[in-house]
């Protein structure tokens, strides 16, 4: 009877250990998902700031080559914004 009780305790301990491991894995995955979302939001904010800087550039003092370059970037920004629906 004592032997059966010991086996039962070991089985319960193993079950709890596996449960804890699964929970730890789930928490790690959720934590990484949150980190990735924050990184994505930071990148989007940086992109928007860069886009705004390009869109607000004064092209009047630039050479024709520079104007063409920045006008091309501005057109890309506009196309990207309209295609994404934002």
C-alpha atoms as a PDB file:
ATOM      1  CA  UNK A   1       0.000   0.000   0.000  1.00  0.00           C
ATOM      2  CA  UNK A   2       2.858   2.360   0.883  1.00  0.00           C
ATOM      3  CA  UNK A   3       4.508   1.629  -2.470  1.00  0.00           C
ATOM      4  CA  UNK A   4       1.298   2.474  -4.298  1.00  0.00           C
ATOM      5  CA  UNK A   5       1.068   5.759  -2.399  1.00  0.00           C
ATOM      6  CA  UNK A   6       4.663   6.681  -3.360  1.00  0.00           C
ATOM      7  CA  UNK A   7       3.963   5.937  -7.009  1.00  0.00           C
ATOM      8  CA  UNK A   8       0.860   8.082  -6.842  1.00  0.00           C
ATOM      9  CA  UNK A   9       2.805  10.982  -5.301  1.00  0.00           C
ATOM     10  CA  UNK A  10       5.532  10.726  -7.944  1.00  0.00           C
ATOM     11  CA  UNK A  11       2.923  10.655 -10.703  1.00  0.00           C
ATOM     12  CA  UNK A  12       1.240  13.738  -9.235  1.00  0.00           C
ATOM     13  CA  UNK A  13       4.584  15.535  -8.955  1.00  0.00           C
ATOM     14  CA  UNK A  14       5.424  14.691 -12.553  1.00  0.00           C
ATOM     15  CA  UNK A  15       2.000  15.867 -13.675  1.00  0.00           C
ATOM     16  CA  UNK A  16       2.434  19.183 -11.846  1.00  0.00           C
ATOM     17  CA  UNK A  17       5.932  19.623 -13.259  1.00  0.00           C
ATOM     18  CA  UNK A  18       4.684  19.098 -16.808  1.00  0.00           C
ATOM     19  CA  UNK A  19       1.809  21.486 -16.164  1.00  0.00           C
ATOM     20  CA  UNK A  20       4.256  24.125 -14.911  1.00  0.00           C
ATOM     21  CA  UNK A  21       6.511  23.615 -17.944  1.00  0.00           C
ATOM     22  CA  UNK A  22       3.566  24.055 -20.322  1.00  0.00           C
ATOM     23  CA  UNK A  23       2.510  27.181 -18.482  1.00  0.00           C
ATOM     24  CA  UNK A  24       6.064  28.567 -18.582  1.00  0.00           C
ATOM     25  CA  UNK A  25       6.238  27.890 -22.321  1.00  0.00           C
ATOM     26  CA  UNK A  26       2.875  29.559 -22.869  1.00  0.00           C
ATOM     27  CA  UNK A  27       3.990  32.612 -20.909  1.00  0.00           C
ATOM     28  CA  UNK A  28       7.262  32.804 -22.847  1.00  0.00           C
ATOM     29  CA  UNK A  29       5.412  32.637 -26.167  1.00  0.00           C
ATOM     30  CA  UNK A  30       2.924  35.288 -25.070  1.00  0.00           C
ATOM     31  CA  UNK A  31       5.733  37.514 -23.820  1.00  0.00           C
ATOM     32  CA  UNK A  32       7.569  37.197 -27.145  1.00  0.00           C
ATOM     33  CA  UNK A  33       4.357  37.949 -29.046  1.00  0.00           C
ATOM     34  CA  UNK A  34       3.900  41.144 -27.036  1.00  0.00           C
ATOM     35  CA  UNK A  35       7.537  42.144 -27.613  1.00  0.00           C
ATOM     36  CA  UNK A  36       7.176  41.579 -31.348  1.00  0.00           C
ATOM     37  CA  UNK A  37       4.000  43.648 -31.448  1.00  0.00           C
ATOM     38  CA  UNK A  38       5.739  46.501 -29.624  1.00  0.00           C
ATOM     39  CA  UNK A  39       8.691  46.307 -32.024  1.00  0.00           C
ATOM     40  CA  UNK A  40       6.295  46.387 -34.962  1.00  0.00           C
ATOM     41  CA  UNK A  41       4.514  49.432 -33.544  1.00  0.00           C
ATOM     42  CA  UNK A  42       7.846  51.198 -32.996  1.00  0.00           C
ATOM     43  CA  UNK A  43       8.902  50.467 -36.570  1.00  0.00           C
ATOM     44  CA  UNK A  44       5.576  51.751 -37.882  1.00  0.00           C
ATOM     45  CA  UNK A  45       5.962  54.949 -35.865  1.00  0.00           C
ATOM     46  CA  UNK A  46       9.495  55.453 -37.196  1.00  0.00           C
ATOM     47  CA  UNK A  47       8.283  54.843 -40.732  1.00  0.00           C
ATOM     48  CA  UNK A  48       5.489  57.380 -40.322  1.00  0.00           C
ATOM     49  CA  UNK A  49       7.918  59.940 -38.941  1.00  0.00           C
ATOM     50  CA  UNK A  50      10.316  59.329 -41.833  1.00  0.00           C
ATOM     51  CA  UNK A  51       7.438  59.561 -44.310  1.00  0.00           C
ATOM     52  CA  UNK A  52       6.281  62.831 -42.803  1.00  0.00           C
ATOM     53  CA  UNK A  53       9.800  64.236 -42.995  1.00  0.00           C
ATOM     54  CA  UNK A  54      10.038  63.307 -46.685  1.00  0.00           C
ATOM     55  CA  UNK A  55       6.572  64.653 -47.477  1.00  0.00           C
ATOM     56  CA  UNK A  56       7.368  67.998 -45.817  1.00  0.00           C
ATOM     57  CA  UNK A  57      10.712  68.526 -47.546  1.00  0.00           C
ATOM     58  CA  UNK A  58      11.225  71.814 -49.334  1.00  0.00           C
ATOM     59  CA  UNK A  59      12.109  70.778 -52.863  1.00  0.00           C
ATOM     60  CA  UNK A  60      12.511  74.310 -54.204  1.00  0.00           C
ATOM     61  CA  UNK A  61      16.193  74.630 -53.264  1.00  0.00           C
ATOM     62  CA  UNK A  62      17.177  71.200 -54.586  1.00  0.00           C
ATOM     63  CA  UNK A  63      18.779  70.241 -57.853  1.00  0.00           C
ATOM     64  CA  UNK A  64      16.584  68.585 -60.468  1.00  0.00           C
ATOM     65  CA  UNK A  65      18.093  65.197 -59.667  1.00  0.00           C
ATOM     66  CA  UNK A  66      17.360  65.597 -55.954  1.00  0.00           C
ATOM     67  CA  UNK A  67      13.829  66.772 -56.721  1.00  0.00           C
ATOM     68  CA  UNK A  68      13.195  63.710 -58.870  1.00  0.00           C
ATOM     69  CA  UNK A  69      14.508  61.477 -56.103  1.00  0.00           C
ATOM     70  CA  UNK A  70      12.312  63.000 -53.389  1.00  0.00           C
ATOM     71  CA  UNK A  71       9.268  63.265 -55.634  1.00  0.00           C
ATOM     72  CA  UNK A  72       9.681  59.545 -56.331  1.00  0.00           C
ATOM     73  CA  UNK A  73       9.828  58.839 -52.603  1.00  0.00           C
ATOM     74  CA  UNK A  74       6.766  60.998 -52.010  1.00  0.00           C
ATOM     75  CA  UNK A  75       4.859  59.138 -54.715  1.00  0.00           C
ATOM     76  CA  UNK A  76       5.837  55.815 -53.122  1.00  0.00           C
ATOM     77  CA  UNK A  77       4.614  57.045 -49.741  1.00  0.00           C
ATOM     78  CA  UNK A  78       1.301  58.186 -51.191  1.00  0.00           C
ATOM     79  CA  UNK A  79       0.842  54.920 -53.092  1.00  0.00           C
ATOM     80  CA  UNK A  80       1.647  52.888 -49.982  1.00  0.00           C
ATOM     81  CA  UNK A  81      -0.743  54.901 -47.832  1.00  0.00           C
ATOM     82  CA  UNK A  82      -3.621  54.623 -50.296  1.00  0.00           C
ATOM     83  CA  UNK A  83      -3.054  50.936 -50.955  1.00  0.00           C
ATOM     84  CA  UNK A  84      -3.042  50.095 -47.232  1.00  0.00           C
ATOM     85  CA  UNK A  85      -6.239  52.012 -46.595  1.00  0.00           C
ATOM     86  CA  UNK A  86      -4.799  54.275 -43.882  1.00  0.00           C
END
